[in-house]
């Protein structure tokens, strides 16, 4: 990964996101996951962000995203979940009939999510680097 440049910043921000279906319902098949990838890419493009990696299982998805500092992770997540839910149900109307979605007032995703920042240097290495800066007297 290379550094990215904004108008007033140089950054390398990445996050691992996990979205779980409501009630951990087994909603997804391979065709659903194939459909979701370009949807997520499109949303992230609108946020000047990038989908680095994507995969999932029958009840959750994993996204590795790169994003600029002007966007919060929660803003990205809200848009990713909202748009993907709406577009998936439009393309595959049967998704709305799955028990986990139907029993949840048509909600595809659980309201919660997992987010973890990623980085190349371990925390201990960063702590030592900062500790060893030449502090002026």
N, C-alpha and C. Protein backbone atom coordinates (compact mmCIF):
# COMPACT_ATOMS: atom_id res chain seq x y z
N UNK A 1 0.84 -1.17 0.00
CA UNK A 1 0.00 0.00 0.00
C UNK A 1 0.89 1.24 0.00
N UNK A 2 0.48 2.20 -0.76
CA UNK A 2 1.25 3.43 -0.81
C UNK A 2 0.48 4.57 -0.14
N UNK A 3 1.23 5.56 0.28
CA UNK A 3 0.62 6.71 0.92
C UNK A 3 -0.29 7.43 -0.07
N UNK A 4 -1.38 7.97 0.47
CA UNK A 4 -2.31 8.74 -0.35
C UNK A 4 -2.25 10.19 0.09
N UNK A 5 -2.61 11.07 -0.81
CA UNK A 5 -2.53 12.49 -0.51
C UNK A 5 -3.89 13.15 -0.67
N UNK A 6 -4.23 13.95 0.33
CA UNK A 6 -5.40 14.79 0.27
C UNK A 6 -4.94 16.23 0.13
N UNK A 7 -5.87 17.14 0.16
CA UNK A 7 -5.51 18.54 0.01
C UNK A 7 -4.59 19.02 1.14
N UNK A 8 -4.87 18.55 2.36
CA UNK A 8 -4.07 18.99 3.51
C UNK A 8 -3.51 17.82 4.30
N UNK A 9 -3.42 16.65 3.69
CA UNK A 9 -2.96 15.50 4.46
C UNK A 9 -2.27 14.47 3.58
N UNK A 10 -1.44 13.70 4.22
CA UNK A 10 -0.87 12.50 3.64
C UNK A 10 -1.30 11.39 4.58
N UNK A 11 -1.85 10.32 4.04
CA UNK A 11 -2.44 9.32 4.92
C UNK A 11 -2.35 7.91 4.35
N UNK A 12 -2.51 6.98 5.25
CA UNK A 12 -2.64 5.57 4.93
C UNK A 12 -3.56 4.99 6.00
N UNK A 13 -4.86 5.16 5.79
CA UNK A 13 -5.86 4.69 6.74
C UNK A 13 -6.58 3.50 6.14
N UNK A 14 -6.56 2.40 6.86
CA UNK A 14 -7.28 1.21 6.43
C UNK A 14 -8.05 0.65 7.61
N UNK A 15 -9.17 0.01 7.30
CA UNK A 15 -9.99 -0.59 8.35
C UNK A 15 -10.52 -1.92 7.87
N UNK A 16 -10.61 -2.86 8.79
CA UNK A 16 -11.26 -4.14 8.55
C UNK A 16 -12.66 -4.02 9.14
N UNK A 17 -13.67 -4.20 8.28
CA UNK A 17 -15.06 -4.09 8.71
C UNK A 17 -15.75 -5.44 8.56
N UNK A 18 -16.61 -5.76 9.51
CA UNK A 18 -17.42 -6.97 9.43
C UNK A 18 -18.87 -6.58 9.70
N UNK A 19 -19.75 -6.94 8.77
CA UNK A 19 -21.19 -6.73 8.92
C UNK A 19 -21.85 -8.08 9.03
N UNK A 20 -22.73 -8.22 10.00
CA UNK A 20 -23.43 -9.48 10.26
C UNK A 20 -24.90 -9.30 9.89
N UNK A 21 -25.49 -10.33 9.30
CA UNK A 21 -26.91 -10.25 8.97
C UNK A 21 -27.73 -10.26 10.25
N UNK A 22 -28.90 -9.67 10.17
CA UNK A 22 -29.81 -9.62 11.32
C UNK A 22 -30.10 -11.05 11.78
N UNK A 23 -30.03 -11.28 13.06
CA UNK A 23 -30.29 -12.58 13.69
C UNK A 23 -29.34 -13.67 13.18
N UNK A 24 -28.21 -13.25 12.63
CA UNK A 24 -27.22 -14.19 12.05
C UNK A 24 -27.87 -15.14 11.04
N UNK A 25 -28.88 -14.63 10.34
CA UNK A 25 -29.58 -15.44 9.35
C UNK A 25 -28.68 -15.81 8.19
N UNK A 26 -28.81 -17.03 7.71
CA UNK A 26 -28.02 -17.52 6.57
C UNK A 26 -28.64 -17.02 5.28
N UNK A 27 -28.38 -15.77 4.96
CA UNK A 27 -29.01 -15.08 3.84
C UNK A 27 -28.22 -15.25 2.54
N UNK A 28 -26.91 -15.20 2.62
CA UNK A 28 -26.09 -15.08 1.42
C UNK A 28 -25.72 -16.40 0.77
N UNK A 29 -25.78 -16.37 -0.55
CA UNK A 29 -25.20 -17.40 -1.40
C UNK A 29 -24.10 -16.70 -2.18
N UNK A 30 -23.33 -17.47 -2.92
CA UNK A 30 -22.23 -16.90 -3.70
C UNK A 30 -22.69 -15.78 -4.63
N UNK A 31 -23.85 -15.94 -5.25
CA UNK A 31 -24.34 -14.92 -6.19
C UNK A 31 -24.65 -13.61 -5.47
N UNK A 32 -25.09 -13.69 -4.22
CA UNK A 32 -25.35 -12.46 -3.46
C UNK A 32 -24.04 -11.73 -3.15
N UNK A 33 -23.03 -12.50 -2.76
CA UNK A 33 -21.74 -11.90 -2.44
C UNK A 33 -21.11 -11.29 -3.70
N UNK A 34 -21.24 -11.97 -4.84
CA UNK A 34 -20.73 -11.42 -6.11
C UNK A 34 -21.44 -10.11 -6.44
N UNK A 35 -22.73 -10.03 -6.15
CA UNK A 35 -23.49 -8.81 -6.40
C UNK A 35 -23.05 -7.69 -5.46
N UNK A 36 -22.77 -8.02 -4.20
CA UNK A 36 -22.45 -7.00 -3.21
C UNK A 36 -21.10 -6.33 -3.44
N UNK A 37 -20.13 -7.04 -3.97
CA UNK A 37 -18.80 -6.46 -4.13
C UNK A 37 -18.82 -5.16 -4.94
N UNK A 38 -19.40 -5.13 -6.16
CA UNK A 38 -19.42 -3.85 -6.88
C UNK A 38 -20.29 -2.78 -6.22
N UNK A 39 -21.28 -3.19 -5.45
CA UNK A 39 -22.09 -2.22 -4.71
C UNK A 39 -21.21 -1.53 -3.67
N UNK A 40 -20.47 -2.32 -2.90
CA UNK A 40 -19.56 -1.75 -1.90
C UNK A 40 -18.51 -0.86 -2.57
N UNK A 41 -17.97 -1.32 -3.70
CA UNK A 41 -16.96 -0.52 -4.42
C UNK A 41 -17.53 0.83 -4.84
N UNK A 42 -18.75 0.82 -5.33
CA UNK A 42 -19.39 2.05 -5.78
C UNK A 42 -19.60 3.04 -4.62
N UNK A 43 -20.08 2.53 -3.50
CA UNK A 43 -20.29 3.39 -2.33
C UNK A 43 -18.96 3.98 -1.89
N UNK A 44 -17.94 3.15 -1.82
CA UNK A 44 -16.64 3.63 -1.36
C UNK A 44 -16.05 4.65 -2.32
N UNK A 45 -16.29 4.49 -3.61
CA UNK A 45 -15.82 5.47 -4.58
C UNK A 45 -16.44 6.84 -4.29
N UNK A 46 -17.71 6.85 -3.92
CA UNK A 46 -18.37 8.12 -3.57
C UNK A 46 -17.72 8.78 -2.36
N UNK A 47 -17.08 7.98 -1.52
CA UNK A 47 -16.39 8.49 -0.33
C UNK A 47 -14.88 8.66 -0.57
N UNK A 48 -14.50 8.63 -1.85
CA UNK A 48 -13.08 8.73 -2.21
C UNK A 48 -12.26 7.66 -1.50
N UNK A 49 -12.86 6.49 -1.34
CA UNK A 49 -12.26 5.37 -0.63
C UNK A 49 -12.13 4.19 -1.57
N UNK A 50 -11.53 3.12 -1.07
CA UNK A 50 -11.26 1.97 -1.93
C UNK A 50 -11.51 0.66 -1.19
N UNK A 51 -12.11 -0.29 -1.89
CA UNK A 51 -12.27 -1.64 -1.35
C UNK A 51 -11.03 -2.43 -1.74
N UNK A 52 -10.24 -2.78 -0.75
CA UNK A 52 -8.99 -3.51 -1.00
C UNK A 52 -9.26 -5.01 -1.11
N UNK A 53 -10.12 -5.50 -0.23
CA UNK A 53 -10.45 -6.94 -0.23
C UNK A 53 -11.87 -7.11 0.27
N UNK A 54 -12.53 -8.15 -0.24
CA UNK A 54 -13.91 -8.43 0.15
C UNK A 54 -14.15 -9.94 0.09
N UNK A 55 -14.88 -10.44 1.08
CA UNK A 55 -15.32 -11.83 1.07
C UNK A 55 -16.43 -11.95 2.11
N UNK A 56 -17.04 -13.11 2.15
CA UNK A 56 -18.10 -13.29 3.11
C UNK A 56 -18.48 -14.74 3.27
N UNK A 57 -19.45 -14.96 4.12
CA UNK A 57 -20.02 -16.27 4.38
C UNK A 57 -21.53 -16.11 4.31
N UNK A 58 -22.25 -17.13 4.68
CA UNK A 58 -23.71 -17.08 4.55
C UNK A 58 -24.36 -16.05 5.47
N UNK A 59 -23.68 -15.64 6.55
CA UNK A 59 -24.30 -14.72 7.51
C UNK A 59 -23.48 -13.47 7.83
N UNK A 60 -22.40 -13.24 7.11
CA UNK A 60 -21.61 -12.03 7.36
C UNK A 60 -20.68 -11.73 6.18
N UNK A 61 -20.17 -10.48 6.15
CA UNK A 61 -19.19 -10.09 5.14
C UNK A 61 -18.01 -9.40 5.81
N UNK A 62 -16.86 -9.51 5.15
CA UNK A 62 -15.64 -8.84 5.59
C UNK A 62 -15.22 -7.87 4.49
N UNK A 63 -14.87 -6.65 4.88
CA UNK A 63 -14.36 -5.66 3.94
C UNK A 63 -13.06 -5.09 4.50
N UNK A 64 -12.08 -4.95 3.64
CA UNK A 64 -10.86 -4.24 3.98
C UNK A 64 -10.88 -2.98 3.14
N UNK A 65 -10.96 -1.83 3.78
CA UNK A 65 -11.14 -0.57 3.06
C UNK A 65 -10.02 0.42 3.39
N UNK A 66 -9.71 1.23 2.40
CA UNK A 66 -8.80 2.36 2.56
C UNK A 66 -9.66 3.61 2.42
N UNK A 67 -9.47 4.59 3.32
CA UNK A 67 -10.34 5.76 3.32
C UNK A 67 -9.56 7.00 3.74
N UNK A 68 -10.01 8.17 3.30
CA UNK A 68 -9.33 9.42 3.69
C UNK A 68 -9.77 9.87 5.08
N UNK A 69 -8.95 10.69 5.73
CA UNK A 69 -9.25 11.12 7.10
C UNK A 69 -10.48 12.01 7.23
N UNK A 70 -10.99 12.53 6.13
CA UNK A 70 -12.17 13.39 6.25
C UNK A 70 -13.45 12.62 6.50
N UNK A 71 -13.42 11.29 6.38
CA UNK A 71 -14.61 10.46 6.61
C UNK A 71 -14.43 9.63 7.87
N UNK A 72 -15.48 9.55 8.65
CA UNK A 72 -15.44 8.68 9.83
C UNK A 72 -15.81 7.25 9.42
N UNK A 73 -15.34 6.31 10.19
CA UNK A 73 -15.68 4.90 9.93
C UNK A 73 -17.19 4.71 10.03
N UNK A 74 -17.82 5.36 11.00
CA UNK A 74 -19.27 5.19 11.16
C UNK A 74 -20.04 5.72 9.95
N UNK A 75 -19.58 6.81 9.34
CA UNK A 75 -20.24 7.33 8.13
C UNK A 75 -20.10 6.33 6.99
N UNK A 76 -18.93 5.76 6.83
CA UNK A 76 -18.72 4.74 5.79
C UNK A 76 -19.64 3.55 6.03
N UNK A 77 -19.66 3.07 7.26
CA UNK A 77 -20.46 1.89 7.60
C UNK A 77 -21.94 2.14 7.34
N UNK A 78 -22.45 3.28 7.79
CA UNK A 78 -23.87 3.57 7.59
C UNK A 78 -24.25 3.56 6.12
N UNK A 79 -23.42 4.16 5.29
CA UNK A 79 -23.72 4.20 3.87
C UNK A 79 -23.56 2.82 3.23
N UNK A 80 -22.49 2.12 3.56
CA UNK A 80 -22.26 0.78 3.01
C UNK A 80 -23.41 -0.17 3.34
N UNK A 81 -23.85 -0.14 4.59
CA UNK A 81 -24.93 -1.04 4.99
C UNK A 81 -26.27 -0.64 4.38
N UNK A 82 -26.56 0.65 4.37
CA UNK A 82 -27.84 1.11 3.84
C UNK A 82 -27.99 0.84 2.35
N UNK A 83 -26.99 1.23 1.58
CA UNK A 83 -27.06 1.06 0.13
C UNK A 83 -27.04 -0.42 -0.24
N UNK A 84 -26.18 -1.19 0.40
CA UNK A 84 -26.10 -2.62 0.06
C UNK A 84 -27.39 -3.35 0.38
N UNK A 85 -28.02 -3.02 1.48
CA UNK A 85 -29.29 -3.66 1.85
C UNK A 85 -30.37 -3.34 0.81
N UNK A 86 -30.48 -2.08 0.48
CA UNK A 86 -31.51 -1.66 -0.47
C UNK A 86 -31.29 -2.28 -1.85
N UNK A 87 -30.06 -2.22 -2.34
CA UNK A 87 -29.78 -2.75 -3.69
C UNK A 87 -29.89 -4.27 -3.75
N UNK A 88 -29.46 -4.95 -2.70
CA UNK A 88 -29.55 -6.41 -2.70
C UNK A 88 -31.01 -6.86 -2.73
N UNK A 89 -31.85 -6.20 -1.94
CA UNK A 89 -33.28 -6.57 -1.91
C UNK A 89 -33.99 -6.20 -3.22
N UNK A 90 -33.52 -5.17 -3.91
CA UNK A 90 -34.09 -4.83 -5.21
C UNK A 90 -33.71 -5.88 -6.26
N UNK A 91 -32.45 -6.30 -6.24
CA UNK A 91 -31.97 -7.26 -7.23
C UNK A 91 -32.44 -8.68 -6.94
N UNK A 92 -32.60 -9.01 -5.67
CA UNK A 92 -33.01 -10.35 -5.24
C UNK A 92 -34.19 -10.22 -4.28
N UNK A 93 -35.40 -10.04 -4.80
CA UNK A 93 -36.56 -9.82 -3.92
C UNK A 93 -36.78 -10.94 -2.90
N UNK A 94 -36.31 -12.13 -3.22
CA UNK A 94 -36.50 -13.25 -2.29
C UNK A 94 -35.74 -13.05 -0.98
N UNK A 95 -34.73 -12.20 -0.98
CA UNK A 95 -33.97 -11.93 0.25
C UNK A 95 -34.90 -11.39 1.33
N UNK A 96 -35.86 -10.57 0.95
CA UNK A 96 -36.79 -10.00 1.92
C UNK A 96 -37.69 -11.04 2.55
N UNK A 97 -37.80 -12.22 1.95
CA UNK A 97 -38.66 -13.28 2.51
C UNK A 97 -37.91 -14.23 3.43
N UNK A 98 -36.57 -14.14 3.49
CA UNK A 98 -35.82 -14.99 4.41
C UNK A 98 -36.28 -14.70 5.82
N UNK A 99 -36.38 -15.71 6.65
CA UNK A 99 -36.94 -15.56 7.99
C UNK A 99 -36.25 -14.46 8.79
N UNK A 100 -34.94 -14.37 8.72
CA UNK A 100 -34.22 -13.38 9.54
C UNK A 100 -34.53 -11.96 9.10
N UNK A 101 -34.76 -11.75 7.82
CA UNK A 101 -35.08 -10.42 7.31
C UNK A 101 -36.55 -10.11 7.55
N UNK A 102 -37.40 -11.08 7.24
CA UNK A 102 -38.85 -10.88 7.39
C UNK A 102 -39.22 -10.62 8.86
N UNK A 103 -38.57 -11.31 9.81
CA UNK A 103 -38.89 -11.13 11.23
C UNK A 103 -38.26 -9.86 11.80
N UNK A 104 -37.46 -9.17 11.01
CA UNK A 104 -36.74 -7.99 11.49
C UNK A 104 -37.18 -6.72 10.79
N UNK A 105 -38.45 -6.66 10.42
CA UNK A 105 -39.00 -5.48 9.74
C UNK A 105 -38.19 -5.11 8.51
N UNK A 106 -37.79 -6.12 7.75
CA UNK A 106 -37.08 -5.98 6.48
C UNK A 106 -35.63 -5.53 6.63
N UNK A 107 -35.06 -5.65 7.82
CA UNK A 107 -33.66 -5.27 8.04
C UNK A 107 -32.74 -6.41 7.62
N UNK A 108 -31.81 -6.12 6.75
CA UNK A 108 -30.83 -7.13 6.33
C UNK A 108 -29.70 -7.24 7.34
N UNK A 109 -29.14 -6.11 7.74
CA UNK A 109 -27.96 -6.11 8.60
C UNK A 109 -28.32 -5.89 10.07
N UNK A 110 -27.54 -6.50 10.92
CA UNK A 110 -27.60 -6.18 12.35
C UNK A 110 -27.17 -4.72 12.50
N UNK A 111 -27.71 -4.00 13.47
CA UNK A 111 -27.30 -2.59 13.62
C UNK A 111 -25.85 -2.45 14.09
N UNK A 112 -25.27 -3.50 14.62
CA UNK A 112 -23.89 -3.42 15.10
C UNK A 112 -22.92 -3.80 13.97
N UNK A 113 -21.65 -3.55 14.20
CA UNK A 113 -20.62 -3.93 13.25
C UNK A 113 -19.29 -4.04 13.98
N UNK A 114 -18.33 -4.69 13.33
CA UNK A 114 -16.98 -4.77 13.86
C UNK A 114 -16.10 -3.87 12.99
N UNK A 115 -15.25 -3.09 13.60
CA UNK A 115 -14.29 -2.26 12.88
C UNK A 115 -12.96 -2.31 13.60
N UNK A 116 -11.92 -2.54 12.83
CA UNK A 116 -10.58 -2.58 13.40
C UNK A 116 -9.65 -1.81 12.48
N UNK A 117 -8.87 -0.91 13.08
CA UNK A 117 -7.88 -0.22 12.27
C UNK A 117 -6.76 -1.21 11.96
N UNK A 118 -6.13 -1.00 10.85
CA UNK A 118 -5.03 -1.88 10.46
C UNK A 118 -3.81 -1.00 10.26
N UNK A 119 -2.66 -1.58 10.36
CA UNK A 119 -1.45 -0.81 10.16
C UNK A 119 -0.29 -1.74 9.95
N UNK A 120 0.78 -1.16 9.46
CA UNK A 120 1.94 -1.99 9.15
C UNK A 120 2.84 -2.18 10.36
N UNK A 121 2.89 -1.24 11.27
CA UNK A 121 3.79 -1.34 12.42
C UNK A 121 3.02 -1.81 13.64
N UNK A 122 3.62 -2.74 14.41
CA UNK A 122 2.97 -3.14 15.66
C UNK A 122 2.93 -1.97 16.65
N UNK A 123 1.97 -2.01 17.55
CA UNK A 123 1.79 -0.93 18.53
C UNK A 123 3.07 -0.70 19.34
N UNK A 124 3.72 -1.76 19.75
CA UNK A 124 4.93 -1.60 20.56
C UNK A 124 6.02 -0.86 19.78
N UNK A 125 6.16 -1.14 18.48
CA UNK A 125 7.15 -0.44 17.66
C UNK A 125 6.81 1.05 17.56
N UNK A 126 5.53 1.37 17.40
CA UNK A 126 5.12 2.77 17.34
C UNK A 126 5.37 3.48 18.66
N UNK A 127 5.07 2.79 19.77
CA UNK A 127 5.31 3.38 21.08
C UNK A 127 6.79 3.71 21.27
N UNK A 128 7.67 2.78 20.87
CA UNK A 128 9.11 3.02 21.01
C UNK A 128 9.56 4.17 20.11
N UNK A 129 9.04 4.22 18.89
CA UNK A 129 9.39 5.30 17.96
C UNK A 129 9.02 6.66 18.55
N UNK A 130 7.82 6.77 19.09
CA UNK A 130 7.37 8.03 19.68
C UNK A 130 8.17 8.36 20.93
N UNK A 131 8.43 7.34 21.75
CA UNK A 131 9.19 7.51 22.99
C UNK A 131 10.60 8.03 22.69
N UNK A 132 11.19 7.59 21.59
CA UNK A 132 12.57 7.93 21.29
C UNK A 132 12.74 9.20 20.45
N UNK A 133 11.70 9.98 20.31
CA UNK A 133 11.82 11.26 19.60
C UNK A 133 12.69 12.21 20.41
N UNK A 134 13.40 13.07 19.72
CA UNK A 134 14.26 14.04 20.40
C UNK A 134 13.42 15.20 20.91
N UNK A 135 13.00 15.11 22.16
CA UNK A 135 12.18 16.16 22.77
C UNK A 135 13.08 17.34 23.13
N UNK A 136 12.67 18.54 22.74
CA UNK A 136 13.48 19.70 23.12
C UNK A 136 13.45 19.92 24.64
N UNK A 137 14.53 20.46 25.12
CA UNK A 137 14.66 20.71 26.56
C UNK A 137 13.80 21.86 27.00
